[in-house]
C-alpha atoms as a PDB file:
ATOM      1  CA  UNK A   1      65.136  87.374 138.474  1.00  0.00           C
ATOM      2  CA  UNK A   2      64.216  84.878 140.888  1.00  0.00           C
ATOM      3  CA  UNK A   3      66.551  82.685 138.883  1.00  0.00           C
ATOM      4  CA  UNK A   4      69.268  85.173 139.392  1.00  0.00           C
ATOM      5  CA  UNK A   5      69.775  84.134 143.281  1.00  0.00           C
ATOM      6  CA  UNK A   6      72.253  81.039 143.567  1.00  0.00           C
ATOM      7  CA  UNK A   7      70.038  78.394 146.249  1.00  0.00           C
ATOM      8  CA  UNK A   8      72.571  75.559 145.419  1.00  0.00           C
ATOM      9  CA  UNK A   9      75.355  76.794 147.833  1.00  0.00           C
ATOM     10  CA  UNK A  10      73.063  78.085 150.805  1.00  0.00           C
ATOM     11  CA  UNK A  11      71.918  75.856 153.977  1.00  0.00           C
ATOM     12  CA  UNK A  12      69.073  74.783 155.120  1.00  0.00           C
ATOM     13  CA  UNK A  13      68.527  77.592 157.893  1.00  0.00           C
ATOM     14  CA  UNK A  14      69.478  80.473 155.385  1.00  0.00           C
ATOM     15  CA  UNK A  15      66.719  78.854 152.478  1.00  0.00           C
ATOM     16  CA  UNK A  16      64.318  79.643 155.758  1.00  0.00           C
ATOM     17  CA  UNK A  17      65.422  82.932 155.567  1.00  0.00           C
ATOM     18  CA  UNK A  18      65.399  83.841 152.229  1.00  0.00           C
ATOM     19  CA  UNK A  19      62.058  81.989 152.014  1.00  0.00           C
ATOM     20  CA  UNK A  20      60.808  84.075 155.276  1.00  0.00           C
ATOM     21  CA  UNK A  21      61.744  87.371 153.646  1.00  0.00           C
ATOM     22  CA  UNK A  22      60.806  86.668 149.480  1.00  0.00           C
ATOM     23  CA  UNK A  23      57.006  85.678 151.592  1.00  0.00           C
ATOM     24  CA  UNK A  24      57.051  89.364 153.723  1.00  0.00           C
ATOM     25  CA  UNK A  25      57.697  90.839 150.325  1.00  0.00           C
ATOM     26  CA  UNK A  26      55.153  89.271 148.412  1.00  0.00           C
ATOM     27  CA  UNK A  27      52.793  90.334 151.245  1.00  0.00           C
ATOM     28  CA  UNK A  28      53.273  93.400 151.023  1.00  0.00           C
ATOM     29  CA  UNK A  29      53.975  93.686 147.319  1.00  0.00           C
ATOM     30  CA  UNK A  30      50.535  91.965 147.293  1.00  0.00           C
ATOM     31  CA  UNK A  31      48.849  94.892 150.290  1.00  0.00           C
ATOM     32  CA  UNK A  32      49.803  96.961 146.915  1.00  0.00           C
ATOM     33  CA  UNK A  33      48.124  96.159 145.267  1.00  0.00           C
ATOM     34  CA  UNK A  34      44.658  96.863 146.364  1.00  0.00           C
ATOM     35  CA  UNK A  35      45.281 100.223 147.103  1.00  0.00           C
ATOM     36  CA  UNK A  36      44.194 103.308 145.327  1.00  0.00           C
ATOM     37  CA  UNK A  37      47.027 103.988 143.533  1.00  0.00           C
ATOM     38  CA  UNK A  38      47.758 100.679 142.597  1.00  0.00           C
ATOM     39  CA  UNK A  39      43.957 100.719 140.196  1.00  0.00           C
ATOM     40  CA  UNK A  40      43.567 102.874 137.554  1.00  0.00           C
ATOM     41  CA  UNK A  41      39.775 103.135 136.326  1.00  0.00           C
ATOM     42  CA  UNK A  42      39.660 102.141 132.275  1.00  0.00           C
ATOM     43  CA  UNK A  43      37.537 103.607 129.461  1.00  0.00           C
ATOM     44  CA  UNK A  44      34.841 101.243 130.364  1.00  0.00           C
ATOM     45  CA  UNK A  45      34.394 102.091 133.858  1.00  0.00           C
ATOM     46  CA  UNK A  46      36.189  98.488 134.779  1.00  0.00           C
ATOM     47  CA  UNK A  47      38.944  98.657 137.461  1.00  0.00           C
ATOM     48  CA  UNK A  48      42.454  97.736 136.293  1.00  0.00           C
ATOM     49  CA  UNK A  49      46.283  98.084 137.351  1.00  0.00           C
ATOM     50  CA  UNK A  50      47.698 101.300 137.475  1.00  0.00           C
ATOM     51  CA  UNK A  51      51.805 101.423 137.109  1.00  0.00           C
ATOM     52  CA  UNK A  52      52.561 101.432 140.421  1.00  0.00           C
ATOM     53  CA  UNK A  53      49.951  98.371 140.573  1.00  0.00           C
ATOM     54  CA  UNK A  54      51.495  96.519 137.728  1.00  0.00           C
ATOM     55  CA  UNK A  55      54.731  96.947 139.299  1.00  0.00           C
ATOM     56  CA  UNK A  56      54.272  95.725 142.676  1.00  0.00           C
ATOM     57  CA  UNK A  57      51.918  92.616 141.190  1.00  0.00           C
ATOM     58  CA  UNK A  58      55.882  92.145 138.833  1.00  0.00           C
ATOM     59  CA  UNK A  59      57.804  91.884 141.843  1.00  0.00           C
ATOM     60  CA  UNK A  60      55.251  89.844 143.114  1.00  0.00           C
ATOM     61  CA  UNK A  61      55.256  87.203 140.970  1.00  0.00           C
ATOM     62  CA  UNK A  62      59.327  87.604 141.255  1.00  0.00           C
ATOM     63  CA  UNK A  63      58.534  87.171 145.196  1.00  0.00           C
ATOM     64  CA  UNK A  64      56.483  84.099 144.521  1.00  0.00           C
ATOM     65  CA  UNK A  65      58.701  82.336 142.266  1.00  0.00           C
ATOM     66  CA  UNK A  66      61.279  82.694 144.237  1.00  0.00           C
ATOM     67  CA  UNK A  67      59.290  81.080 146.664  1.00  0.00           C
ATOM     68  CA  UNK A  68      58.359  78.129 144.685  1.00  0.00           C
ATOM     69  CA  UNK A  69      61.796  77.813 144.517  1.00  0.00           C
ATOM     70  CA  UNK A  70      63.694  77.367 147.511  1.00  0.00           C
ATOM     71  CA  UNK A  71      61.161  75.205 148.309  1.00  0.00           C
ATOM     72  CA  UNK A  72      62.363  72.839 145.962  1.00  0.00           C
ATOM     73  CA  UNK A  73      65.883  73.022 147.496  1.00  0.00           C
ATOM     74  CA  UNK A  74      64.739  73.112 150.704  1.00  0.00           C
ATOM     75  CA  UNK A  75      63.689  69.485 149.161  1.00  0.00           C
ATOM     76  CA  UNK A  76      66.436  67.852 148.114  1.00  0.00           C
ATOM     77  CA  UNK A  77      68.675  69.424 150.953  1.00  0.00           C
ATOM     78  CA  UNK A  78      66.630  67.513 153.019  1.00  0.00           C
ATOM     79  CA  UNK A  79      66.648  64.133 151.093  1.00  0.00           C
ATOM     80  CA  UNK A  80      70.273  63.244 151.308  1.00  0.00           C
ATOM     81  CA  UNK A  81      69.741  63.888 155.039  1.00  0.00           C
ATOM     82  CA  UNK A  82      67.448  60.572 155.174  1.00  0.00           C
ATOM     83  CA  UNK A  83      66.845  59.720 159.089  1.00  0.00           C
ATOM     84  CA  UNK A  84      70.530  59.616 160.237  1.00  0.00           C
ATOM     85  CA  UNK A  85      70.455  63.903 159.787  1.00  0.00           C
ATOM     86  CA  UNK A  86      66.902  64.719 159.439  1.00  0.00           C
ATOM     87  CA  UNK A  87      66.616  65.187 162.931  1.00  0.00           C
ATOM     88  CA  UNK A  88      69.938  68.072 163.027  1.00  0.00           C
ATOM     89  CA  UNK A  89      68.379  69.710 159.916  1.00  0.00           C
ATOM     90  CA  UNK A  90      64.924  69.801 161.165  1.00  0.00           C
ATOM     91  CA  UNK A  91      66.935  71.340 164.267  1.00  0.00           C
ATOM     92  CA  UNK A  92      68.943  73.941 161.879  1.00  0.00           C
ATOM     93  CA  UNK A  93      65.510  74.781 160.325  1.00  0.00           C
ATOM     94  CA  UNK A  94      64.155  75.726 163.337  1.00  0.00           C
ATOM     95  CA  UNK A  95      66.825  77.084 164.766  1.00  0.00           C
ATOM     96  CA  UNK A  96      66.833  79.554 162.298  1.00  0.00           C
ATOM     97  CA  UNK A  97      62.925  80.671 162.622  1.00  0.00           C
ATOM     98  CA  UNK A  98      62.788  84.040 164.097  1.00  0.00           C
ATOM     99  CA  UNK A  99      59.909  83.365 166.816  1.00  0.00           C
ATOM    100  CA  UNK A 100      56.485  84.244 165.712  1.00  0.00           C
ATOM    101  CA  UNK A 101      55.159  84.677 169.461  1.00  0.00           C
END
């Protein structure tokens, strides 16, 4: 599913924004898997994911796969820039990141 997103034409700022969104969704899905609605009791009394928990876990794995691809693509985008374009590329990435303050 994550492979359906074509990362090739995306710029470094676009890749960074995509990474941030996928990371946020993955974090939310992780939290959902810990909620009681996402946990069912097996016949032996052990806990297992409920259908809601399996869905949240699946969505989290899709986002994690996308995060890995985005990081790999950011490395590829940065490699050709070399030292000459590195400073400008870093400026673009920093400008595209929302403030965490």
